Full PDB file with SEQRES, HELIX, SHEET, SSBOND, CRYST1, ORIGX, SCALE, CONECT and MASTER records, all heavy atoms in Angstrom:
SEQRES   1 A   36  LYS LEU ALA ASN CYS GLU SER ARG ASP ALA LYS LYS SER          
SEQRES   2 A   36  GLU ILE PHE ILE VAL GLU GLY ASP SER ALA GLY GLY SER          
SEQRES   3 A   36  ALA LYS MET ALA ARG ASN ARG LEU TYR GLN                      
HELIX    1 AA1 ASP A   21  ALA A   30  1                                  10    
CRYST1    1.000    1.000    1.000  90.00  90.00  90.00 P 1           1          
ORIGX1      1.000000  0.000000  0.000000        0.00000                         
ORIGX2      0.000000  1.000000  0.000000        0.00000                         
ORIGX3      0.000000  0.000000  1.000000        0.00000                         
SCALE1      1.000000  0.000000  0.000000        0.00000                         
SCALE2      0.000000  1.000000  0.000000        0.00000                         
SCALE3      0.000000  0.000000  1.000000        0.00000                         
ATOM      1  N   LYS A   1      -7.419   6.775   5.250  1.00  0.00           N  
ATOM      2  CA  LYS A   1      -6.035   6.460   5.585  1.00  0.00           C  
ATOM      3  C   LYS A   1      -5.509   5.335   4.700  1.00  0.00           C  
ATOM      4  O   LYS A   1      -4.417   5.407   4.149  1.00  0.00           O  
ATOM      5  CB  LYS A   1      -5.917   6.043   7.057  1.00  0.00           C  
ATOM      6  CG  LYS A   1      -6.022   7.201   8.040  1.00  0.00           C  
ATOM      7  CD  LYS A   1      -5.906   6.672   9.457  1.00  0.00           C  
ATOM      8  CE  LYS A   1      -5.904   7.820  10.451  1.00  0.00           C  
ATOM      9  NZ  LYS A   1      -4.558   8.177  10.883  1.00  0.00           N  
ATOM     10  N   LEU A   2      -6.291   4.273   4.597  1.00  0.00           N  
ATOM     11  CA  LEU A   2      -5.856   3.104   3.859  1.00  0.00           C  
ATOM     12  C   LEU A   2      -5.901   3.335   2.353  1.00  0.00           C  
ATOM     13  O   LEU A   2      -6.942   3.679   1.794  1.00  0.00           O  
ATOM     14  CB  LEU A   2      -6.738   1.904   4.220  1.00  0.00           C  
ATOM     15  CG  LEU A   2      -6.465   0.624   3.432  1.00  0.00           C  
ATOM     16  CD1 LEU A   2      -5.104   0.056   3.800  1.00  0.00           C  
ATOM     17  CD2 LEU A   2      -7.553  -0.406   3.684  1.00  0.00           C  
ATOM     18  N   ALA A   3      -4.749   3.174   1.704  1.00  0.00           N  
ATOM     19  CA  ALA A   3      -4.705   3.147   0.246  1.00  0.00           C  
ATOM     20  C   ALA A   3      -4.641   1.684  -0.142  1.00  0.00           C  
ATOM     21  O   ALA A   3      -3.572   1.066  -0.117  1.00  0.00           O  
ATOM     22  CB  ALA A   3      -3.490   3.909  -0.277  1.00  0.00           C  
ATOM     23  N   ASN A   4      -5.783   1.096  -0.449  1.00  0.00           N  
ATOM     24  CA  ASN A   4      -5.853  -0.344  -0.648  1.00  0.00           C  
ATOM     25  C   ASN A   4      -5.278  -0.739  -2.003  1.00  0.00           C  
ATOM     26  O   ASN A   4      -5.122   0.078  -2.912  1.00  0.00           O  
ATOM     27  CB  ASN A   4      -7.308  -0.813  -0.530  1.00  0.00           C  
ATOM     28  CG  ASN A   4      -7.396  -2.288  -0.199  1.00  0.00           C  
ATOM     29  OD1 ASN A   4      -6.401  -2.906   0.156  1.00  0.00           O  
ATOM     30  ND2 ASN A   4      -8.578  -2.847  -0.308  1.00  0.00           N  
ATOM     31  N   CYS A   5      -4.951  -2.024  -2.130  1.00  0.00           N  
ATOM     32  CA  CYS A   5      -4.458  -2.539  -3.402  1.00  0.00           C  
ATOM     33  C   CYS A   5      -5.640  -3.009  -4.251  1.00  0.00           C  
ATOM     34  O   CYS A   5      -6.756  -3.186  -3.765  1.00  0.00           O  
ATOM     35  CB  CYS A   5      -3.479  -3.685  -3.173  1.00  0.00           C  
ATOM     36  SG  CYS A   5      -4.129  -5.034  -2.162  1.00  0.00           S  
ATOM     37  N   GLU A   6      -5.382  -3.209  -5.521  1.00  0.00           N  
ATOM     38  CA  GLU A   6      -6.445  -3.601  -6.441  1.00  0.00           C  
ATOM     39  C   GLU A   6      -6.805  -5.078  -6.287  1.00  0.00           C  
ATOM     40  O   GLU A   6      -7.958  -5.466  -6.441  1.00  0.00           O  
ATOM     41  CB  GLU A   6      -6.024  -3.302  -7.888  1.00  0.00           C  
ATOM     42  CG  GLU A   6      -5.819  -1.818  -8.166  1.00  0.00           C  
ATOM     43  CD  GLU A   6      -5.205  -1.579  -9.539  1.00  0.00           C  
ATOM     44  OE1 GLU A   6      -5.147  -2.545 -10.339  1.00  0.00           O  
ATOM     45  OE2 GLU A   6      -4.783  -0.443  -9.806  1.00  0.00           O  
ATOM     46  N   SER A   7      -5.815  -5.904  -6.008  1.00  0.00           N  
ATOM     47  CA  SER A   7      -6.048  -7.341  -5.913  1.00  0.00           C  
ATOM     48  C   SER A   7      -6.851  -7.685  -4.660  1.00  0.00           C  
ATOM     49  O   SER A   7      -6.689  -7.077  -3.606  1.00  0.00           O  
ATOM     50  CB  SER A   7      -4.712  -8.090  -5.877  1.00  0.00           C  
ATOM     51  OG  SER A   7      -4.917  -9.468  -5.649  1.00  0.00           O  
ATOM     52  N   ARG A   8      -7.717  -8.670  -4.787  1.00  0.00           N  
ATOM     53  CA  ARG A   8      -8.443  -9.211  -3.631  1.00  0.00           C  
ATOM     54  C   ARG A   8      -7.961 -10.621  -3.297  1.00  0.00           C  
ATOM     55  O   ARG A   8      -8.569 -11.326  -2.514  1.00  0.00           O  
ATOM     56  CB  ARG A   8      -9.958  -9.229  -3.913  1.00  0.00           C  
ATOM     57  CG  ARG A   8     -10.580  -7.826  -3.921  1.00  0.00           C  
ATOM     58  CD  ARG A   8     -10.476  -7.199  -2.527  1.00  0.00           C  
ATOM     59  NE  ARG A   8     -11.144  -5.903  -2.452  1.00  0.00           N  
ATOM     60  CZ  ARG A   8     -10.546  -4.735  -2.661  1.00  0.00           C  
ATOM     61  NH1 ARG A   8      -9.255  -4.712  -2.982  1.00  0.00           N  
ATOM     62  NH2 ARG A   8     -11.212  -3.597  -2.556  1.00  0.00           N  
ATOM     63  N   ASP A   9      -6.850 -11.014  -3.922  1.00  0.00           N  
ATOM     64  CA  ASP A   9      -6.239 -12.317  -3.647  1.00  0.00           C  
ATOM     65  C   ASP A   9      -5.288 -12.150  -2.468  1.00  0.00           C  
ATOM     66  O   ASP A   9      -4.212 -11.558  -2.601  1.00  0.00           O  
ATOM     67  CB  ASP A   9      -5.493 -12.825  -4.878  1.00  0.00           C  
ATOM     68  CG  ASP A   9      -4.935 -14.236  -4.678  1.00  0.00           C  
ATOM     69  OD1 ASP A   9      -4.920 -14.714  -3.523  1.00  0.00           O  
ATOM     70  OD2 ASP A   9      -4.508 -14.852  -5.673  1.00  0.00           O  
ATOM     71  N   ALA A  10      -5.697 -12.651  -1.300  1.00  0.00           N  
ATOM     72  CA  ALA A  10      -4.911 -12.443  -0.078  1.00  0.00           C  
ATOM     73  C   ALA A  10      -3.493 -13.001  -0.200  1.00  0.00           C  
ATOM     74  O   ALA A  10      -2.552 -12.445   0.364  1.00  0.00           O  
ATOM     75  CB  ALA A  10      -5.623 -13.085   1.109  1.00  0.00           C  
ATOM     76  N   LYS A  11      -3.323 -14.094  -0.941  1.00  0.00           N  
ATOM     77  CA  LYS A  11      -2.008 -14.727  -1.056  1.00  0.00           C  
ATOM     78  C   LYS A  11      -1.007 -13.839  -1.787  1.00  0.00           C  
ATOM     79  O   LYS A  11       0.205 -13.972  -1.606  1.00  0.00           O  
ATOM     80  CB  LYS A  11      -2.130 -16.079  -1.765  1.00  0.00           C  
ATOM     81  CG  LYS A  11      -2.897 -17.121  -0.967  1.00  0.00           C  
ATOM     82  CD  LYS A  11      -2.971 -18.445  -1.711  1.00  0.00           C  
ATOM     83  CE  LYS A  11      -3.745 -19.488  -0.903  1.00  0.00           C  
ATOM     84  NZ  LYS A  11      -3.855 -20.782  -1.614  1.00  0.00           N  
ATOM     85  N   LYS A  12      -1.505 -12.929  -2.628  1.00  0.00           N  
ATOM     86  CA  LYS A  12      -0.622 -12.062  -3.405  1.00  0.00           C  
ATOM     87  C   LYS A  12      -0.518 -10.656  -2.815  1.00  0.00           C  
ATOM     88  O   LYS A  12       0.313  -9.864  -3.252  1.00  0.00           O  
ATOM     89  CB  LYS A  12      -1.130 -11.965  -4.848  1.00  0.00           C  
ATOM     90  CG  LYS A  12      -1.131 -13.285  -5.604  1.00  0.00           C  
ATOM     91  CD  LYS A  12      -1.681 -13.105  -7.007  1.00  0.00           C  
ATOM     92  CE  LYS A  12      -1.702 -14.439  -7.764  1.00  0.00           C  
ATOM     93  NZ  LYS A  12      -2.293 -14.291  -9.126  1.00  0.00           N  
ATOM     94  N   SER A  13      -1.374 -10.341  -1.846  1.00  0.00           N  
ATOM     95  CA  SER A  13      -1.451  -8.969  -1.345  1.00  0.00           C  
ATOM     96  C   SER A  13      -0.612  -8.769  -0.090  1.00  0.00           C  
ATOM     97  O   SER A  13      -0.403  -9.694   0.694  1.00  0.00           O  
ATOM     98  CB  SER A  13      -2.915  -8.617  -1.037  1.00  0.00           C  
ATOM     99  OG  SER A  13      -3.721  -8.757  -2.186  1.00  0.00           O  
ATOM    100  N   GLU A  14      -0.161  -7.527   0.097  1.00  0.00           N  
ATOM    101  CA  GLU A  14       0.589  -7.177   1.296  1.00  0.00           C  
ATOM    102  C   GLU A  14       0.249  -5.744   1.698  1.00  0.00           C  
ATOM    103  O   GLU A  14      -0.090  -4.910   0.851  1.00  0.00           O  
ATOM    104  CB  GLU A  14       2.094  -7.323   1.063  1.00  0.00           C  
ATOM    105  CG  GLU A  14       2.634  -6.630  -0.168  1.00  0.00           C  
ATOM    106  CD  GLU A  14       4.066  -7.035  -0.500  1.00  0.00           C  
ATOM    107  OE1 GLU A  14       4.397  -8.227  -0.321  1.00  0.00           O  
ATOM    108  OE2 GLU A  14       4.842  -6.160  -0.921  1.00  0.00           O  
ATOM    109  N   ILE A  15       0.302  -5.478   2.992  1.00  0.00           N  
ATOM    110  CA  ILE A  15      -0.023  -4.153   3.501  1.00  0.00           C  
ATOM    111  C   ILE A  15       1.154  -3.612   4.302  1.00  0.00           C  
ATOM    112  O   ILE A  15       1.735  -4.324   5.123  1.00  0.00           O  
ATOM    113  CB  ILE A  15      -1.313  -4.173   4.358  1.00  0.00           C  
ATOM    114  CG1 ILE A  15      -1.692  -2.762   4.795  1.00  0.00           C  
ATOM    115  CG2 ILE A  15      -1.195  -5.111   5.547  1.00  0.00           C  
ATOM    116  CD1 ILE A  15      -3.073  -2.665   5.424  1.00  0.00           C  
ATOM    117  N   PHE A  16       1.529  -2.363   4.024  1.00  0.00           N  
ATOM    118  CA  PHE A  16       2.612  -1.695   4.730  1.00  0.00           C  
ATOM    119  C   PHE A  16       2.005  -0.732   5.749  1.00  0.00           C  
ATOM    120  O   PHE A  16       1.207   0.141   5.388  1.00  0.00           O  
ATOM    121  CB  PHE A  16       3.502  -0.917   3.766  1.00  0.00           C  
ATOM    122  CG  PHE A  16       4.357  -1.784   2.888  1.00  0.00           C  
ATOM    123  CD1 PHE A  16       3.846  -2.364   1.743  1.00  0.00           C  
ATOM    124  CD2 PHE A  16       5.686  -2.016   3.215  1.00  0.00           C  
ATOM    125  CE1 PHE A  16       4.633  -3.159   0.923  1.00  0.00           C  
ATOM    126  CE2 PHE A  16       6.482  -2.813   2.403  1.00  0.00           C  
ATOM    127  CZ  PHE A  16       5.956  -3.394   1.256  1.00  0.00           C  
ATOM    128  N   ILE A  17       2.380  -0.890   7.010  1.00  0.00           N  
ATOM    129  CA  ILE A  17       1.975   0.064   8.039  1.00  0.00           C  
ATOM    130  C   ILE A  17       3.125   1.054   8.170  1.00  0.00           C  
ATOM    131  O   ILE A  17       4.217   0.702   8.627  1.00  0.00           O  
ATOM    132  CB  ILE A  17       1.696  -0.645   9.371  1.00  0.00           C  
ATOM    133  CG1 ILE A  17       0.619  -1.713   9.183  1.00  0.00           C  
ATOM    134  CG2 ILE A  17       1.254   0.362  10.427  1.00  0.00           C  
ATOM    135  CD1 ILE A  17       0.389  -2.570  10.399  1.00  0.00           C  
ATOM    136  N   VAL A  18       2.880   2.295   7.721  1.00  0.00           N  
ATOM    137  CA  VAL A  18       3.961   3.273   7.555  1.00  0.00           C  
ATOM    138  C   VAL A  18       3.827   4.387   8.582  1.00  0.00           C  
ATOM    139  O   VAL A  18       2.746   4.950   8.767  1.00  0.00           O  
ATOM    140  CB  VAL A  18       3.940   3.871   6.131  1.00  0.00           C  
ATOM    141  CG1 VAL A  18       5.158   4.764   5.919  1.00  0.00           C  
ATOM    142  CG2 VAL A  18       3.898   2.763   5.092  1.00  0.00           C  
ATOM    143  N   GLU A  19       4.945   4.699   9.221  1.00  0.00           N  
ATOM    144  CA  GLU A  19       4.965   5.766  10.220  1.00  0.00           C  
ATOM    145  C   GLU A  19       5.010   7.127   9.530  1.00  0.00           C  
ATOM    146  O   GLU A  19       5.901   7.409   8.724  1.00  0.00           O  
ATOM    147  CB  GLU A  19       6.201   5.592  11.114  1.00  0.00           C  
ATOM    148  CG  GLU A  19       6.485   6.772  12.021  1.00  0.00           C  
ATOM    149  CD  GLU A  19       7.948   6.842  12.444  1.00  0.00           C  
ATOM    150  OE1 GLU A  19       8.722   5.937  12.104  1.00  0.00           O  
ATOM    151  OE2 GLU A  19       8.294   7.822  13.115  1.00  0.00           O  
ATOM    152  N   GLY A  20       4.036   7.975   9.823  1.00  0.00           N  
ATOM    153  CA  GLY A  20       4.075   9.360   9.365  1.00  0.00           C  
ATOM    154  C   GLY A  20       3.398   9.594   8.032  1.00  0.00           C  
ATOM    155  O   GLY A  20       3.449   8.760   7.127  1.00  0.00           O  
ATOM    156  N   ASP A  21       2.767  10.782   7.891  1.00  0.00           N  
ATOM    157  CA  ASP A  21       2.072  11.124   6.655  1.00  0.00           C  
ATOM    158  C   ASP A  21       3.042  11.340   5.497  1.00  0.00           C  
ATOM    159  O   ASP A  21       2.738  11.041   4.349  1.00  0.00           O  
ATOM    160  CB  ASP A  21       1.219  12.383   6.858  1.00  0.00           C  
ATOM    161  CG  ASP A  21       0.029  12.115   7.781  1.00  0.00           C  
ATOM    162  OD1 ASP A  21      -0.387  10.934   7.840  1.00  0.00           O  
ATOM    163  OD2 ASP A  21      -0.462  13.053   8.423  1.00  0.00           O  
ATOM    164  N   SER A  22       4.243  11.882   5.796  1.00  0.00           N  
ATOM    165  CA  SER A  22       5.218  12.153   4.741  1.00  0.00           C  
ATOM    166  C   SER A  22       5.681  10.857   4.076  1.00  0.00           C  
ATOM    167  O   SER A  22       5.637  10.712   2.855  1.00  0.00           O  
ATOM    168  CB  SER A  22       6.418  12.906   5.323  1.00  0.00           C  
ATOM    169  OG  SER A  22       7.413  13.081   4.341  1.00  0.00           O  
ATOM    170  N   ALA A  23       6.123   9.908   4.918  1.00  0.00           N  
ATOM    171  CA  ALA A  23       6.554   8.611   4.377  1.00  0.00           C  
ATOM    172  C   ALA A  23       5.379   7.889   3.744  1.00  0.00           C  
ATOM    173  O   ALA A  23       5.528   7.202   2.736  1.00  0.00           O  
ATOM    174  CB  ALA A  23       7.168   7.768   5.483  1.00  0.00           C  
ATOM    175  N   GLY A  24       4.193   8.054   4.343  1.00  0.00           N  
ATOM    176  CA  GLY A  24       3.002   7.427   3.778  1.00  0.00           C  
ATOM    177  C   GLY A  24       2.696   7.936   2.389  1.00  0.00           C  
ATOM    178  O   GLY A  24       2.320   7.171   1.494  1.00  0.00           O  
ATOM    179  N   GLY A  25       2.875   9.242   2.199  1.00  0.00           N  
ATOM    180  CA  GLY A  25       2.645   9.821   0.872  1.00  0.00           C  
ATOM    181  C   GLY A  25       3.615   9.287  -0.159  1.00  0.00           C  
ATOM    182  O   GLY A  25       3.216   8.929  -1.282  1.00  0.00           O  
ATOM    183  N   SER A  26       4.900   9.214   0.213  1.00  0.00           N  
ATOM    184  CA  SER A  26       5.898   8.661  -0.708  1.00  0.00           C  
ATOM    185  C   SER A  26       5.608   7.200  -1.014  1.00  0.00           C  
ATOM    186  O   SER A  26       5.751   6.744  -2.150  1.00  0.00           O  
ATOM    187  CB  SER A  26       7.301   8.794  -0.090  1.00  0.00           C  
ATOM    188  OG  SER A  26       7.675  10.141   0.039  1.00  0.00           O  
ATOM    189  N   ALA A  27       5.213   6.457   0.035  1.00  0.00           N  
ATOM    190  CA  ALA A  27       4.943   5.028  -0.154  1.00  0.00           C  
ATOM    191  C   ALA A  27       3.751   4.810  -1.080  1.00  0.00           C  
ATOM    192  O   ALA A  27       3.751   3.894  -1.910  1.00  0.00           O  
ATOM    193  CB  ALA A  27       4.688   4.359   1.203  1.00  0.00           C  
ATOM    194  N   LYS A  28       2.730   5.656  -0.962  1.00  0.00           N  
ATOM    195  CA  LYS A  28       1.564   5.524  -1.835  1.00  0.00           C  
ATOM    196  C   LYS A  28       1.941   5.744  -3.300  1.00  0.00           C  
ATOM    197  O   LYS A  28       1.415   5.082  -4.199  1.00  0.00           O  
ATOM    198  CB  LYS A  28       0.478   6.518  -1.420  1.00  0.00           C  
ATOM    199  CG  LYS A  28      -0.231   6.140  -0.126  1.00  0.00           C  
ATOM    200  CD  LYS A  28      -1.266   7.189   0.277  1.00  0.00           C  
ATOM    201  CE  LYS A  28      -1.931   6.822   1.604  1.00  0.00           C  
ATOM    202  NZ  LYS A  28      -2.917   7.836   2.033  1.00  0.00           N  
ATOM    203  N   MET A  29       2.868   6.681  -3.543  1.00  0.00           N  
ATOM    204  CA  MET A  29       3.320   6.938  -4.918  1.00  0.00           C  
ATOM    205  C   MET A  29       4.256   5.841  -5.413  1.00  0.00           C  
ATOM    206  O   MET A  29       4.264   5.506  -6.597  1.00  0.00           O  
ATOM    207  CB  MET A  29       4.019   8.293  -4.987  1.00  0.00           C  
ATOM    208  CG  MET A  29       3.097   9.484  -4.844  1.00  0.00           C  
ATOM    209  SD  MET A  29       3.926  11.049  -5.197  1.00  0.00           S  
ATOM    210  CE  MET A  29       5.028  11.172  -3.786  1.00  0.00           C  
ATOM    211  N   ALA A  30       5.045   5.275  -4.488  1.00  0.00           N  
ATOM    212  CA  ALA A  30       6.075   4.317  -4.892  1.00  0.00           C  
ATOM    213  C   ALA A  30       5.550   2.905  -5.084  1.00  0.00           C  
ATOM    214  O   ALA A  30       6.099   2.128  -5.861  1.00  0.00           O  
ATOM    215  CB  ALA A  30       7.178   4.297  -3.831  1.00  0.00           C  
ATOM    216  N   ARG A  31       4.497   2.543  -4.422  1.00  0.00           N  
ATOM    217  CA  ARG A  31       4.034   1.160  -4.349  1.00  0.00           C  
ATOM    218  C   ARG A  31       3.563   0.622  -5.703  1.00  0.00           C  
ATOM    219  O   ARG A  31       3.278   1.374  -6.647  1.00  0.00           O  
ATOM    220  CB  ARG A  31       2.856   1.072  -3.373  1.00  0.00           C  
ATOM    221  CG  ARG A  31       1.632   1.821  -3.910  1.00  0.00           C  
ATOM    222  CD  ARG A  31       0.460   1.762  -2.978  1.00  0.00           C  
ATOM    223  NE  ARG A  31      -0.639   2.570  -3.439  1.00  0.00           N  
ATOM    224  CZ  ARG A  31      -1.907   2.175  -3.463  1.00  0.00           C  
ATOM    225  NH1 ARG A  31      -2.226   0.966  -3.044  1.00  0.00           N  
ATOM    226  NH2 ARG A  31      -2.850   2.991  -3.885  1.00  0.00           N  
ATOM    227  N   ASN A  32       3.425  -0.686  -5.769  1.00  0.00           N  
ATOM    228  CA  ASN A  32       2.744  -1.338  -6.883  1.00  0.00           C  
ATOM    229  C   ASN A  32       1.274  -1.475  -6.471  1.00  0.00           C  
ATOM    230  O   ASN A  32       0.932  -2.266  -5.594  1.00  0.00           O  
ATOM    231  CB  ASN A  32       3.349  -2.720  -7.143  1.00  0.00           C  
ATOM    232  CG  ASN A  32       2.761  -3.395  -8.363  1.00  0.00           C  
ATOM    233  OD1 ASN A  32       1.570  -3.289  -8.629  1.00  0.00           O  
ATOM    234  ND2 ASN A  32       3.595  -4.104  -9.111  1.00  0.00           N  
ATOM    235  N   ARG A  33       0.422  -0.687  -7.071  1.00  0.00           N  
ATOM    236  CA  ARG A  33      -0.979  -0.614  -6.663  1.00  0.00           C  
ATOM    237  C   ARG A  33      -1.710  -1.947  -6.804  1.00  0.00           C  
ATOM    238  O   ARG A  33      -2.726  -2.174  -6.167  1.00  0.00           O  
ATOM    239  CB  ARG A  33      -1.722   0.448  -7.495  1.00  0.00           C  
ATOM    240  CG  ARG A  33      -1.250   1.854  -7.224  1.00  0.00           C  
ATOM    241  CD  ARG A  33      -1.889   2.845  -8.200  1.00  0.00           C  
ATOM    242  NE  ARG A  33      -1.427   4.197  -7.912  1.00  0.00           N  
ATOM    243  CZ  ARG A  33      -2.048   5.030  -7.087  1.00  0.00           C  
ATOM    244  NH1 ARG A  33      -3.163   4.637  -6.487  1.00  0.00           N  
ATOM    245  NH2 ARG A  33      -1.578   6.237  -6.858  1.00  0.00           N  
ATOM    246  N   LEU A  34      -1.179  -2.819  -7.658  1.00  0.00           N  
ATOM    247  CA  LEU A  34      -1.863  -4.078  -7.910  1.00  0.00           C  
ATOM    248  C   LEU A  34      -1.962  -4.921  -6.643  1.00  0.00           C  
ATOM    249  O   LEU A  34      -3.020  -5.481  -6.339  1.00  0.00           O  
ATOM    250  CB  LEU A  34      -1.148  -4.866  -9.009  1.00  0.00           C  
ATOM    251  CG  LEU A  34      -1.763  -6.214  -9.385  1.00  0.00           C  
ATOM    252  CD1 LEU A  34      -3.174  -6.030  -9.925  1.00  0.00           C  
ATOM    253  CD2 LEU A  34      -0.884  -6.942 -10.391  1.00  0.00           C  
ATOM    254  N   TYR A  35      -0.870  -5.012  -5.862  1.00  0.00           N  
ATOM    255  CA  TYR A  35      -0.868  -5.929  -4.723  1.00  0.00           C  
ATOM    256  C   TYR A  35      -0.354  -5.314  -3.419  1.00  0.00           C  
ATOM    257  O   TYR A  35      -0.311  -5.983  -2.388  1.00  0.00           O  
ATOM    258  CB  TYR A  35      -0.034  -7.173  -5.046  1.00  0.00           C  
ATOM    259  CG  TYR A  35       1.426  -6.893  -5.312  1.00  0.00           C  
ATOM    260  CD1 TYR A  35       2.352  -6.890  -4.280  1.00  0.00           C  
ATOM    261  CD2 TYR A  35       1.878  -6.617  -6.595  1.00  0.00           C  
ATOM    262  CE1 TYR A  35       3.686  -6.628  -4.507  1.00  0.00           C  
ATOM    263  CE2 TYR A  35       3.218  -6.352  -6.848  1.00  0.00           C  
ATOM    264  CZ  TYR A  35       4.108  -6.354  -5.800  1.00  0.00           C  
ATOM    265  OH  TYR A  35       5.434  -6.078  -6.031  1.00  0.00           O  
ATOM    266  N   GLN A  36       0.028  -4.013  -3.434  1.00  0.00           N  
ATOM    267  CA  GLN A  36       0.564  -3.397  -2.219  1.00  0.00           C  
ATOM    268  C   GLN A  36      -0.378  -2.322  -1.686  1.00  0.00           C  
ATOM    269  O   GLN A  36      -0.692  -1.356  -2.391  1.00  0.00           O  
ATOM    270  CB  GLN A  36       1.944  -2.786  -2.496  1.00  0.00           C  
ATOM    271  CG  GLN A  36       3.024  -3.836  -2.733  1.00  0.00           C  
ATOM    272  CD  GLN A  36       4.388  -3.222  -3.006  1.00  0.00           C  
ATOM    273  OE1 GLN A  36       4.486  -2.154  -3.602  1.00  0.00           O  
ATOM    274  NE2 GLN A  36       5.442  -3.909  -2.577  1.00  0.00           N  
TER     275      GLN A  36                                                      
MASTER        0    0    0    1    0    0    0    6  274    1    0    3          
END                                                                             
């Protein structure tokens, strides 16, 4: 379920809890993988 970010620096990282697989799929494509 979790598409984790690449960074392990907690101060720079953020996690989005997204409702639904459809929005989750779009969010995974849209995000900045480095810190989101």
